[in-house]
Amino acid sequence: MDNEEMKRAIYDKLSPRRRKFIDKIGYDKWEPFQEPNHPIDIRKDLTKRTAAQLKAEFFQENEKDDLKTTSYGSGVHEMCMGIYSSDDKYKGMLDFCIWYYEKLKEQGIHPDQIWER
């Protein structure tokens, strides 16, 4: 049995409600044989690091005790995952941070001063 025959057999066995959903997206676009995504722990970014490696290296190179709060670590983890999933939300956050950092530098302000208020 080839893929098209198996696809038709799967479609024919679906409930009317599920078929309605597939009809809405289009039978031709429906792909019941999708390849599984790579597990998060083996995905690598452009620098050939996993999210865990990237996070560990970041913390190793930024050994300030005041940065190791749960909230801070959560933010670092969220940014790593956003980068790995290519989510535009995190690209926007990164672009803004780079832009804001440059604005601070132009005015002679160190970024740590933001949190010293």
PDB file of N, CA and C in Angstrom:
ATOM      1  N   MET A   1       0.852  -1.183   0.000  1.00  0.00           N
ATOM      2  CA  MET A   1       0.000   0.000   0.000  1.00  0.00           C
ATOM      3  C   MET A   1       0.896   1.245   0.000  1.00  0.00           C
ATOM      4  N   ASP A   2       0.687   2.163  -0.933  1.00  0.00           N
ATOM      5  CA  ASP A   2       1.507   3.370  -0.991  1.00  0.00           C
ATOM      6  C   ASP A   2       0.930   4.450  -0.056  1.00  0.00           C
ATOM      7  N   ASN A   3       1.663   5.558   0.072  1.00  0.00           N
ATOM      8  CA  ASN A   3       1.265   6.627   0.997  1.00  0.00           C
ATOM      9  C   ASN A   3      -0.105   7.207   0.685  1.00  0.00           C
ATOM     10  N   GLU A   4      -0.422   7.387  -0.593  1.00  0.00           N
ATOM     11  CA  GLU A   4      -1.714   7.984  -0.963  1.00  0.00           C
ATOM     12  C   GLU A   4      -2.874   7.065  -0.567  1.00  0.00           C
ATOM     13  N   GLU A   5      -2.711   5.779  -0.742  1.00  0.00           N
ATOM     14  CA  GLU A   5      -3.746   4.814  -0.341  1.00  0.00           C
ATOM     15  C   GLU A   5      -3.901   4.800   1.179  1.00  0.00           C
ATOM     16  N   MET A   6      -2.768   4.852   1.894  1.00  0.00           N
ATOM     17  CA  MET A   6      -2.833   4.879   3.359  1.00  0.00           C
ATOM     18  C   MET A   6      -3.471   6.177   3.844  1.00  0.00           C
ATOM     19  N   LYS A   7      -3.157   7.280   3.187  1.00  0.00           N
ATOM     20  CA  LYS A   7      -3.749   8.574   3.549  1.00  0.00           C
ATOM     21  C   LYS A   7      -5.263   8.515   3.384  1.00  0.00           C
ATOM     22  N   ARG A   8      -5.741   7.961   2.268  1.00  0.00           N
ATOM     23  CA  ARG A   8      -7.185   7.846   2.010  1.00  0.00           C
ATOM     24  C   ARG A   8      -7.829   6.928   3.051  1.00  0.00           C
ATOM     25  N   ALA A   9      -7.153   5.835   3.404  1.00  0.00           N
ATOM     26  CA  ALA A   9      -7.698   4.897   4.390  1.00  0.00           C
ATOM     27  C   ALA A   9      -7.811   5.569   5.761  1.00  0.00           C
ATOM     28  N   ILE A  10      -6.829   6.330   6.131  1.00  0.00           N
ATOM     29  CA  ILE A  10      -6.872   7.058   7.411  1.00  0.00           C
ATOM     30  C   ILE A  10      -8.013   8.054   7.394  1.00  0.00           C
ATOM     31  N   TYR A  11      -8.124   8.812   6.298  1.00  0.00           N
ATOM     32  CA  TYR A  11      -9.183   9.824   6.176  1.00  0.00           C
ATOM     33  C   TYR A  11     -10.562   9.181   6.285  1.00  0.00           C
ATOM     34  N   ASP A  12     -10.749   8.059   5.602  1.00  0.00           N
ATOM     35  CA  ASP A  12     -12.048   7.376   5.607  1.00  0.00           C
ATOM     36  C   ASP A  12     -12.441   6.872   6.988  1.00  0.00           C
ATOM     37  N   LYS A  13     -11.469   6.576   7.844  1.00  0.00           N
ATOM     38  CA  LYS A  13     -11.755   6.060   9.185  1.00  0.00           C
ATOM     39  C   LYS A  13     -11.962   7.157  10.224  1.00  0.00           C
ATOM     40  N   LEU A  14     -11.709   8.398   9.854  1.00  0.00           N
ATOM     41  CA  LEU A  14     -11.854   9.507  10.801  1.00  0.00           C
ATOM     42  C   LEU A  14     -13.313   9.825  11.078  1.00  0.00           C
ATOM     43  N   SER A  15     -13.533  10.423  12.243  1.00  0.00           N
ATOM     44  CA  SER A  15     -14.885  10.867  12.597  1.00  0.00           C
ATOM     45  C   SER A  15     -15.266  12.045  11.700  1.00  0.00           C
ATOM     46  N   PRO A  16     -16.572  12.266  11.513  1.00  0.00           N
ATOM     47  CA  PRO A  16     -17.010  13.399  10.684  1.00  0.00           C
ATOM     48  C   PRO A  16     -16.456  14.744  11.166  1.00  0.00           C
ATOM     49  N   ARG A  17     -16.333  14.906  12.472  1.00  0.00           N
ATOM     50  CA  ARG A  17     -15.803  16.161  13.012  1.00  0.00           C
ATOM     51  C   ARG A  17     -14.346  16.368  12.589  1.00  0.00           C
ATOM     52  N   ARG A  18     -13.550  15.327  12.671  1.00  0.00           N
ATOM     53  CA  ARG A  18     -12.132  15.415  12.285  1.00  0.00           C
ATOM     54  C   ARG A  18     -12.006  15.634  10.780  1.00  0.00           C
ATOM     55  N   ARG A  19     -12.851  14.959   9.994  1.00  0.00           N
ATOM     56  CA  ARG A  19     -12.841  15.145   8.537  1.00  0.00           C
ATOM     57  C   ARG A  19     -13.157  16.597   8.172  1.00  0.00           C
ATOM     58  N   LYS A  20     -14.083  17.189   8.921  1.00  0.00           N
ATOM     59  CA  LYS A  20     -14.460  18.580   8.665  1.00  0.00           C
ATOM     60  C   LYS A  20     -13.242  19.497   8.857  1.00  0.00           C
ATOM     61  N   PHE A  21     -12.469  19.211   9.886  1.00  0.00           N
ATOM     62  CA  PHE A  21     -11.251  19.986  10.137  1.00  0.00           C
ATOM     63  C   PHE A  21     -10.266  19.835   8.979  1.00  0.00           C
ATOM     64  N   ILE A  22     -10.069  18.615   8.522  1.00  0.00           N
ATOM     65  CA  ILE A  22      -9.139  18.352   7.421  1.00  0.00           C
ATOM     66  C   ILE A  22      -9.645  18.989   6.133  1.00  0.00           C
ATOM     67  N   ASP A  23     -10.941  18.932   5.896  1.00  0.00           N
ATOM     68  CA  ASP A  23     -11.513  19.567   4.709  1.00  0.00           C
ATOM     69  C   ASP A  23     -11.299  21.075   4.736  1.00  0.00           C
ATOM     70  N   LYS A  24     -11.329  21.636   5.940  1.00  0.00           N
ATOM     71  CA  LYS A  24     -11.130  23.076   6.083  1.00  0.00           C
ATOM     72  C   LYS A  24      -9.707  23.480   5.693  1.00  0.00           C
ATOM     73  N   ILE A  25      -8.705  22.684   6.108  1.00  0.00           N
ATOM     74  CA  ILE A  25      -7.322  23.004   5.734  1.00  0.00           C
ATOM     75  C   ILE A  25      -6.995  22.517   4.322  1.00  0.00           C
ATOM     76  N   GLY A  26      -7.780  21.587   3.837  1.00  0.00           N
ATOM     77  CA  GLY A  26      -7.562  21.037   2.497  1.00  0.00           C
ATOM     78  C   GLY A  26      -6.937  19.660   2.559  1.00  0.00           C
ATOM     79  N   TYR A  27      -7.599  18.701   1.938  1.00  0.00           N
ATOM     80  CA  TYR A  27      -7.110  17.325   1.946  1.00  0.00           C
ATOM     81  C   TYR A  27      -5.698  17.243   1.372  1.00  0.00           C
ATOM     82  N   ASP A  28      -5.438  17.994   0.302  1.00  0.00           N
ATOM     83  CA  ASP A  28      -4.119  17.951  -0.332  1.00  0.00           C
ATOM     84  C   ASP A  28      -3.022  18.489   0.578  1.00  0.00           C
ATOM     85  N   LYS A  29      -3.363  19.457   1.429  1.00  0.00           N
ATOM     86  CA  LYS A  29      -2.375  20.035   2.353  1.00  0.00           C
ATOM     87  C   LYS A  29      -2.196  19.198   3.616  1.00  0.00           C
ATOM     88  N   TRP A  30      -3.160  18.359   3.913  1.00  0.00           N
ATOM     89  CA  TRP A  30      -3.125  17.526   5.112  1.00  0.00           C
ATOM     90  C   TRP A  30      -2.020  16.493   4.969  1.00  0.00           C
ATOM     91  N   GLU A  31      -1.159  16.410   5.984  1.00  0.00           N
ATOM     92  CA  GLU A  31      -0.040  15.474   5.952  1.00  0.00           C
ATOM     93  C   GLU A  31      -0.079  14.591   7.201  1.00  0.00           C
ATOM     94  N   PRO A  32      -0.681  13.397   7.093  1.00  0.00           N
ATOM     95  CA  PRO A  32      -0.769  12.522   8.272  1.00  0.00           C
ATOM     96  C   PRO A  32       0.534  11.791   8.597  1.00  0.00           C
ATOM     97  N   PHE A  33       1.547  11.920   7.745  1.00  0.00           N
ATOM     98  CA  PHE A  33       2.809  11.196   7.941  1.00  0.00           C
ATOM     99  C   PHE A  33       3.963  12.152   8.207  1.00  0.00           C
ATOM    100  N   GLN A  34       3.756  13.133   9.051  1.00  0.00           N
ATOM    101  CA  GLN A  34       4.794  14.112   9.337  1.00  0.00           C
ATOM    102  C   GLN A  34       5.967  13.471  10.070  1.00  0.00           C
ATOM    103  N   GLU A  35       7.153  13.961   9.738  1.00  0.00           N
ATOM    104  CA  GLU A  35       8.357  13.523  10.441  1.00  0.00           C
ATOM    105  C   GLU A  35       8.343  14.129  11.842  1.00  0.00           C
ATOM    106  N   PRO A  36       8.771  13.386  12.840  1.00  0.00           N
ATOM    107  CA  PRO A  36       8.797  13.957  14.189  1.00  0.00           C
ATOM    108  C   PRO A  36       9.867  15.034  14.295  1.00  0.00           C
ATOM    109  N   ASN A  37       9.627  16.006  15.153  1.00  0.00           N
ATOM    110  CA  ASN A  37      10.628  17.030  15.416  1.00  0.00           C
ATOM    111  C   ASN A  37      11.770  16.433  16.218  1.00  0.00           C
ATOM    112  N   HIS A  38      12.948  17.037  16.067  1.00  0.00           N
ATOM    113  CA  HIS A  38      14.074  16.593  16.871  1.00  0.00           C
ATOM    114  C   HIS A  38      13.812  16.953  18.323  1.00  0.00           C
ATOM    115  N   PRO A  39      14.179  16.081  19.243  1.00  0.00           N
ATOM    116  CA  PRO A  39      14.042  16.450  20.657  1.00  0.00           C
ATOM    117  C   PRO A  39      14.859  17.707  20.946  1.00  0.00           C
ATOM    118  N   ILE A  40      14.355  18.539  21.838  1.00  0.00           N
ATOM    119  CA  ILE A  40      14.989  19.815  22.168  1.00  0.00           C
ATOM    120  C   ILE A  40      16.453  19.625  22.565  1.00  0.00           C
ATOM    121  N   ASP A  41      16.755  18.566  23.293  1.00  0.00           N
ATOM    122  CA  ASP A  41      18.110  18.418  23.818  1.00  0.00           C
ATOM    123  C   ASP A  41      19.158  18.098  22.748  1.00  0.00           C
ATOM    124  N   ILE A  42      18.747  17.720  21.509  1.00  0.00           N
ATOM    125  CA  ILE A  42      19.758  17.464  20.490  1.00  0.00           C
ATOM    126  C   ILE A  42      19.735  18.518  19.383  1.00  0.00           C
ATOM    127  N   ARG A  43      18.825  19.473  19.447  1.00  0.00           N
ATOM    128  CA  ARG A  43      18.830  20.567  18.476  1.00  0.00           C
ATOM    129  C   ARG A  43      20.019  21.467  18.761  1.00  0.00           C
ATOM    130  N   LYS A  44      20.626  21.978  17.708  1.00  0.00           N
ATOM    131  CA  LYS A  44      21.772  22.862  17.872  1.00  0.00           C
ATOM    132  C   LYS A  44      21.529  24.150  17.099  1.00  0.00           C
ATOM    133  N   ASP A  45      22.085  25.238  17.632  1.00  0.00           N
ATOM    134  CA  ASP A  45      21.945  26.525  16.966  1.00  0.00           C
ATOM    135  C   ASP A  45      23.065  26.700  15.946  1.00  0.00           C
ATOM    136  N   LEU A  46      23.212  27.899  15.413  1.00  0.00           N
ATOM    137  CA  LEU A  46      24.238  28.166  14.407  1.00  0.00           C
ATOM    138  C   LEU A  46      25.647  27.980  14.940  1.00  0.00           C
ATOM    139  N   THR A  47      25.822  28.079  16.260  1.00  0.00           N
ATOM    140  CA  THR A  47      27.153  27.897  16.858  1.00  0.00           C
ATOM    141  C   THR A  47      27.420  26.439  17.233  1.00  0.00           C
ATOM    142  N   LYS A  48      26.509  25.561  16.856  1.00  0.00           N
ATOM    143  CA  LYS A  48      26.618  24.108  17.106  1.00  0.00           C
ATOM    144  C   LYS A  48      26.493  23.751  18.588  1.00  0.00           C
ATOM    145  N   ARG A  49      25.743  24.565  19.335  1.00  0.00           N
ATOM    146  CA  ARG A  49      25.513  24.290  20.755  1.00  0.00           C
ATOM    147  C   ARG A  49      24.048  23.918  20.965  1.00  0.00           C
ATOM    148  N   THR A  50      23.815  23.030  21.919  1.00  0.00           N
ATOM    149  CA  THR A  50      22.445  22.749  22.335  1.00  0.00           C
ATOM    150  C   THR A  50      21.994  23.880  23.258  1.00  0.00           C
ATOM    151  N   ALA A  51      20.696  23.934  23.542  1.00  0.00           N
ATOM    152  CA  ALA A  51      20.182  24.967  24.441  1.00  0.00           C
ATOM    153  C   ALA A  51      20.831  24.842  25.817  1.00  0.00           C
ATOM    154  N   ALA A  52      21.003  23.615  26.286  1.00  0.00           N
ATOM    155  CA  ALA A  52      21.618  23.400  27.601  1.00  0.00           C
ATOM    156  C   ALA A  52      23.072  23.885  27.605  1.00  0.00           C
ATOM    157  N   GLN A  53      23.801  23.620  26.529  1.00  0.00           N
ATOM    158  CA  GLN A  53      25.192  24.068  26.442  1.00  0.00           C
ATOM    159  C   GLN A  53      25.269  25.592  26.397  1.00  0.00           C
ATOM    160  N   LEU A  54      24.391  26.190  25.627  1.00  0.00           N
ATOM    161  CA  LEU A  54      24.379  27.646  25.499  1.00  0.00           C
ATOM    162  C   LEU A  54      24.092  28.303  26.845  1.00  0.00           C
ATOM    163  N   LYS A  55      23.095  27.780  27.543  1.00  0.00           N
ATOM    164  CA  LYS A  55      22.718  28.321  28.851  1.00  0.00           C
ATOM    165  C   LYS A  55      23.857  28.140  29.861  1.00  0.00           C
ATOM    166  N   ALA A  56      24.460  26.952  29.893  1.00  0.00           N
ATOM    167  CA  ALA A  56      25.549  26.673  30.833  1.00  0.00           C
ATOM    168  C   ALA A  56      26.750  27.576  30.551  1.00  0.00           C
ATOM    169  N   GLU A  57      27.078  27.752  29.282  1.00  0.00           N
ATOM    170  CA  GLU A  57      28.210  28.602  28.928  1.00  0.00           C
ATOM    171  C   GLU A  57      27.933  30.060  29.304  1.00  0.00           C
ATOM    172  N   PHE A  58      26.710  30.502  29.084  1.00  0.00           N
ATOM    173  CA  PHE A  58      26.334  31.868  29.456  1.00  0.00           C
ATOM    174  C   PHE A  58      26.538  32.090  30.952  1.00  0.00           C
ATOM    175  N   PHE A  59      26.027  31.167  31.763  1.00  0.00           N
ATOM    176  CA  PHE A  59      26.171  31.322  33.214  1.00  0.00           C
ATOM    177  C   PHE A  59      27.621  31.191  33.674  1.00  0.00           C
ATOM    178  N   GLN A  60      28.383  30.350  33.001  1.00  0.00           N
ATOM    179  CA  GLN A  60      29.796  30.192  33.359  1.00  0.00           C
ATOM    180  C   GLN A  60      30.570  31.485  33.085  1.00  0.00           C
ATOM    181  N   GLU A  61      30.247  32.154  31.985  1.00  0.00           N
ATOM    182  CA  GLU A  61      30.954  33.384  31.625  1.00  0.00           C
ATOM    183  C   GLU A  61      30.400  34.619  32.335  1.00  0.00           C
ATOM    184  N   ASN A  62      29.263  34.494  32.988  1.00  0.00           N
ATOM    185  CA  ASN A  62      28.639  35.609  33.704  1.00  0.00           C
ATOM    186  C   ASN A  62      28.385  35.176  35.135  1.00  0.00           C
ATOM    187  N   GLU A  63      29.449  35.061  35.916  1.00  0.00           N
ATOM    188  CA  GLU A  63      29.386  34.471  37.246  1.00  0.00           C
ATOM    189  C   GLU A  63      28.957  35.419  38.352  1.00  0.00           C
ATOM    190  N   LYS A  64      28.048  36.321  38.098  1.00  0.00           N
ATOM    191  CA  LYS A  64      27.551  37.205  39.146  1.00  0.00           C
ATOM    192  C   LYS A  64      26.483  36.468  39.946  1.00  0.00           C
ATOM    193  N   ASP A  65      26.626  36.443  41.266  1.00  0.00           N
ATOM    194  CA  ASP A  65      25.657  35.738  42.099  1.00  0.00           C
ATOM    195  C   ASP A  65      24.263  36.343  42.001  1.00  0.00           C
ATOM    196  N   ASP A  66      24.193  37.666  41.833  1.00  0.00           N
ATOM    197  CA  ASP A  66      22.886  38.309  41.789  1.00  0.00           C
ATOM    198  C   ASP A  66      22.117  37.981  40.502  1.00  0.00           C
ATOM    199  N   LEU A  67      22.784  37.370  39.525  1.00  0.00           N
ATOM    200  CA  LEU A  67      22.117  37.009  38.278  1.00  0.00           C
ATOM    201  C   LEU A  67      21.509  35.610  38.317  1.00  0.00           C
ATOM    202  N   LYS A  68      21.764  34.880  39.371  1.00  0.00           N
ATOM    203  CA  LYS A  68      21.345  33.478  39.385  1.00  0.00           C
ATOM    204  C   LYS A  68      20.021  33.256  40.111  1.00  0.00           C
ATOM    205  N   THR A  69      19.118  34.211  40.004  1.00  0.00           N
ATOM    206  CA  THR A  69      17.795  34.016  40.582  1.00  0.00           C
ATOM    207  C   THR A  69      17.003  33.091  39.668  1.00  0.00           C
ATOM    208  N   THR A  70      15.952  32.533  40.193  1.00  0.00           N
ATOM    209  CA  THR A  70      15.097  31.657  39.411  1.00  0.00           C
ATOM    210  C   THR A  70      14.504  32.405  38.212  1.00  0.00           C
ATOM    211  N   SER A  71      14.075  33.622  38.445  1.00  0.00           N
ATOM    212  CA  SER A  71      13.477  34.423  37.384  1.00  0.00           C
ATOM    213  C   SER A  71      14.492  34.731  36.289  1.00  0.00           C
ATOM    214  N   TYR A  72      15.710  35.065  36.666  1.00  0.00           N
ATOM    215  CA  TYR A  72      16.768  35.359  35.701  1.00  0.00           C
ATOM    216  C   TYR A  72      17.062  34.111  34.860  1.00  0.00           C
ATOM    217  N   GLY A  73      17.221  32.991  35.537  1.00  0.00           N
ATOM    218  CA  GLY A  73      17.488  31.732  34.832  1.00  0.00           C
ATOM    219  C   GLY A  73      16.357  31.347  33.904  1.00  0.00           C
ATOM    220  N   SER A  74      15.143  31.595  34.333  1.00  0.00           N
ATOM    221  CA  SER A  74      13.975  31.314  33.497  1.00  0.00           C
ATOM    222  C   SER A  74      13.997  32.170  32.243  1.00  0.00           C
ATOM    223  N   GLY A  75      14.386  33.435  32.391  1.00  0.00           N
ATOM    224  CA  GLY A  75      14.475  34.325  31.241  1.00  0.00           C
ATOM    225  C   GLY A  75      15.530  33.871  30.247  1.00  0.00           C
ATOM    226  N   VAL A  76      16.678  33.443  30.767  1.00  0.00           N
ATOM    227  CA  VAL A  76      17.751  32.938  29.897  1.00  0.00           C
ATOM    228  C   VAL A  76      17.271  31.696  29.157  1.00  0.00           C
ATOM    229  N   HIS A  77      16.619  30.794  29.882  1.00  0.00           N
ATOM    230  CA  HIS A  77      16.113  29.565  29.262  1.00  0.00           C
ATOM    231  C   HIS A  77      15.080  29.888  28.188  1.00  0.00           C
ATOM    232  N   GLU A  78      14.174  30.809  28.489  1.00  0.00           N
ATOM    233  CA  GLU A  78      13.131  31.180  27.534  1.00  0.00           C
ATOM    234  C   GLU A  78      13.748  31.776  26.258  1.00  0.00           C
ATOM    235  N   MET A  79      14.772  32.606  26.419  1.00  0.00           N
ATOM    236  CA  MET A  79      15.439  33.174  25.246  1.00  0.00           C
ATOM    237  C   MET A  79      16.117  32.079  24.421  1.00  0.00           C
ATOM    238  N   CYS A  80      16.758  31.128  25.086  1.00  0.00           N
ATOM    239  CA  CYS A  80      17.387  30.008  24.363  1.00  0.00           C
ATOM    240  C   CYS A  80      16.351  29.261  23.536  1.00  0.00           C
ATOM    241  N   MET A  81      15.230  28.946  24.151  1.00  0.00           N
ATOM    242  CA  MET A  81      14.204  28.184  23.451  1.00  0.00           C
ATOM    243  C   MET A  81      13.586  29.006  22.315  1.00  0.00           C
ATOM    244  N   GLY A  82      13.447  30.310  22.524  1.00  0.00           N
ATOM    245  CA  GLY A  82      12.931  31.176  21.470  1.00  0.00           C
ATOM    246  C   GLY A  82      13.858  31.228  20.272  1.00  0.00           C
ATOM    247  N   ILE A  83      15.151  31.222  20.536  1.00  0.00           N
ATOM    248  CA  ILE A  83      16.139  31.206  19.460  1.00  0.00           C
ATOM    249  C   ILE A  83      16.050  29.888  18.698  1.00  0.00           C
ATOM    250  N   TYR A  84      15.947  28.788  19.423  1.00  0.00           N
ATOM    251  CA  TYR A  84      15.905  27.474  18.784  1.00  0.00           C
ATOM    252  C   TYR A  84      14.635  27.261  17.979  1.00  0.00           C
ATOM    253  N   SER A  85      13.539  27.890  18.395  1.00  0.00           N
ATOM    254  CA  SER A  85      12.289  27.714  17.659  1.00  0.00           C
ATOM    255  C   SER A  85      12.093  28.793  16.598  1.00  0.00           C
ATOM    256  N   SER A  86      13.071  29.710  16.481  1.00  0.00           N
ATOM    257  CA  SER A  86      13.010  30.812  15.509  1.00  0.00           C
ATOM    258  C   SER A  86      11.730  31.633  15.660  1.00  0.00           C
ATOM    259  N   ASP A  87      11.313  31.849  16.888  1.00  0.00           N
ATOM    260  CA  ASP A  87      10.101  32.598  17.180  1.00  0.00           C
ATOM    261  C   ASP A  87      10.369  34.102  17.028  1.00  0.00           C
ATOM    262  N   ASP A  88       9.558  34.768  16.221  1.00  0.00           N
ATOM    263  CA  ASP A  88       9.740  36.208  15.976  1.00  0.00           C
ATOM    264  C   ASP A  88       9.667  37.048  17.246  1.00  0.00           C
ATOM    265  N   LYS A  89       8.933  36.570  18.236  1.00  0.00           N
ATOM    266  CA  LYS A  89       8.840  37.301  19.505  1.00  0.00           C
ATOM    267  C   LYS A  89      10.234  37.517  20.091  1.00  0.00           C
ATOM    268  N   TYR A  90      11.058  36.480  20.056  1.00  0.00           N
ATOM    269  CA  TYR A  90      12.387  36.553  20.649  1.00  0.00           C
ATOM    270  C   TYR A  90      13.355  37.314  19.756  1.00  0.00           C
ATOM    271  N   LYS A  91      13.145  37.266  18.445  1.00  0.00           N
ATOM    272  CA  LYS A  91      13.961  38.082  17.544  1.00  0.00           C
ATOM    273  C   LYS A  91      13.697  39.553  17.840  1.00  0.00           C
ATOM    274  N   GLY A  92      12.430  39.894  18.048  1.00  0.00           N
ATOM    275  CA  GLY A  92      12.085  41.268  18.405  1.00  0.00           C
ATOM    276  C   GLY A  92      12.724  41.677  19.718  1.00  0.00           C
ATOM    277  N   MET A  93      12.699  40.785  20.692  1.00  0.00           N
ATOM    278  CA  MET A  93      13.301  41.081  21.993  1.00  0.00           C
ATOM    279  C   MET A  93      14.811  41.274  21.856  1.00  0.00           C
ATOM    280  N   LEU A  94      15.450  40.411  21.080  1.00  0.00           N
ATOM    281  CA  LEU A  94      16.890  40.513  20.873  1.00  0.00           C
ATOM    282  C   LEU A  94      17.234  41.808  20.146  1.00  0.00           C
ATOM    283  N   ASP A  95      16.507  42.105  19.068  1.00  0.00           N
ATOM    284  CA  ASP A  95      16.767  43.339  18.314  1.00  0.00           C
ATOM    285  C   ASP A  95      16.603  44.570  19.207  1.00  0.00           C
ATOM    286  N   PHE A  96      15.553  44.563  20.027  1.00  0.00           N
ATOM    287  CA  PHE A  96      15.341  45.695  20.925  1.00  0.00           C
ATOM    288  C   PHE A  96      16.477  45.820  21.930  1.00  0.00           C
ATOM    289  N   CYS A  97      16.905  44.704  22.511  1.00  0.00           N
ATOM    290  CA  CYS A  97      17.980  44.737  23.512  1.00  0.00           C
ATOM    291  C   CYS A  97      19.279  45.258  22.912  1.00  0.00           C
ATOM    292  N   ILE A  98      19.598  44.837  21.697  1.00  0.00           N
ATOM    293  CA  ILE A  98      20.812  45.317  21.034  1.00  0.00           C
ATOM    294  C   ILE A  98      20.695  46.822  20.792  1.00  0.00           C
ATOM    295  N   TRP A  99      19.552  47.254  20.283  1.00  0.00           N
ATOM    296  CA  TRP A  99      19.315  48.670  20.022  1.00  0.00           C
ATOM    297  C   TRP A  99      19.411  49.485  21.308  1.00  0.00           C
ATOM    298  N   TYR A 100      18.762  48.999  22.379  1.00  0.00           N
ATOM    299  CA  TYR A 100      18.757  49.718  23.647  1.00  0.00           C
ATOM    300  C   TYR A 100      20.153  49.773  24.260  1.00  0.00           C
ATOM    301  N   TYR A 101      20.894  48.691  24.142  1.00  0.00           N
ATOM    302  CA  TYR A 101      22.267  48.649  24.644  1.00  0.00           C
ATOM    303  C   TYR A 101      23.110  49.728  23.960  1.00  0.00           C
ATOM    304  N   GLU A 102      22.955  49.854  22.653  1.00  0.00           N
ATOM    305  CA  GLU A 102      23.694  50.882  21.909  1.00  0.00           C
ATOM    306  C   GLU A 102      23.291  52.283  22.373  1.00  0.00           C
ATOM    307  N   LYS A 103      22.004  52.513  22.653  1.00  0.00           N
ATOM    308  CA  LYS A 103      21.538  53.809  23.152  1.00  0.00           C
ATOM    309  C   LYS A 103      22.163  54.122  24.510  1.00  0.00           C
ATOM    310  N   LEU A 104      22.234  53.114  25.384  1.00  0.00           N
ATOM    311  CA  LEU A 104      22.857  53.301  26.693  1.00  0.00           C
ATOM    312  C   LEU A 104      24.332  53.656  26.543  1.00  0.00           C
ATOM    313  N   LYS A 105      25.029  52.919  25.662  1.00  0.00           N
ATOM    314  CA  LYS A 105      26.448  53.187  25.434  1.00  0.00           C
ATOM    315  C   LYS A 105      26.672  54.612  24.942  1.00  0.00           C
ATOM    316  N   GLU A 106      25.804  55.087  24.041  1.00  0.00           N
ATOM    317  CA  GLU A 106      25.924  56.453  23.513  1.00  0.00           C
ATOM    318  C   GLU A 106      25.850  57.496  24.630  1.00  0.00           C
ATOM    319  N   GLN A 107      25.095  57.164  25.678  1.00  0.00           N
ATOM    320  CA  GLN A 107      24.911  58.106  26.785  1.00  0.00           C
ATOM    321  C   GLN A 107      25.828  57.807  27.965  1.00  0.00           C
ATOM    322  N   GLY A 108      26.729  56.837  27.801  1.00  0.00           N
ATOM    323  CA  GLY A 108      27.688  56.511  28.854  1.00  0.00           C
ATOM    324  C   GLY A 108      27.063  55.800  30.049  1.00  0.00           C
ATOM    325  N   ILE A 109      25.992  55.082  29.827  1.00  0.00           N
ATOM    326  CA  ILE A 109      25.293  54.375  30.905  1.00  0.00           C
ATOM    327  C   ILE A 109      25.589  52.883  30.787  1.00  0.00           C
ATOM    328  N   HIS A 110      25.971  52.267  31.897  1.00  0.00           N
ATOM    329  CA  HIS A 110      26.195  50.820  31.912  1.00  0.00           C
ATOM    330  C   HIS A 110      24.838  50.136  32.076  1.00  0.00           C
ATOM    331  N   PRO A 111      24.568  49.068  31.320  1.00  0.00           N
ATOM    332  CA  PRO A 111      23.263  48.394  31.403  1.00  0.00           C
ATOM    333  C   PRO A 111      22.844  47.965  32.814  1.00  0.00           C
ATOM    334  N   ASP A 112      23.809  47.627  33.676  1.00  0.00           N
ATOM    335  CA  ASP A 112      23.459  47.229  35.047  1.00  0.00           C
ATOM    336  C   ASP A 112      22.797  48.357  35.829  1.00  0.00           C
ATOM    337  N   GLN A 113      23.019  49.593  35.402  1.00  0.00           N
ATOM    338  CA  GLN A 113      22.426  50.727  36.112  1.00  0.00           C
ATOM    339  C   GLN A 113      20.900  50.757  35.972  1.00  0.00           C
ATOM    340  N   ILE A 114      20.367  50.092  34.981  1.00  0.00           N
ATOM    341  CA  ILE A 114      18.918  50.059  34.778  1.00  0.00           C
ATOM    342  C   ILE A 114      18.224  49.479  36.008  1.00  0.00           C
ATOM    343  N   TRP A 115      18.827  48.457  36.614  1.00  0.00           N
ATOM    344  CA  TRP A 115      18.217  47.766  37.745  1.00  0.00           C
ATOM    345  C   TRP A 115      18.632  48.338  39.089  1.00  0.00           C
ATOM    346  N   GLU A 116      19.418  49.381  39.105  1.00  0.00           N
ATOM    347  CA  GLU A 116      19.886  49.963  40.354  1.00  0.00           C
ATOM    348  C   GLU A 116      18.986  51.080  40.865  1.00  0.00           C
ATOM    349  N   ARG A 117      17.852  51.275  40.237  1.00  0.00           N
ATOM    350  CA  ARG A 117      16.966  52.368  40.659  1.00  0.00           C
ATOM    351  C   ARG A 117      16.255  52.023  41.928  1.00  0.00           C
TER     352      ARG A 117
END
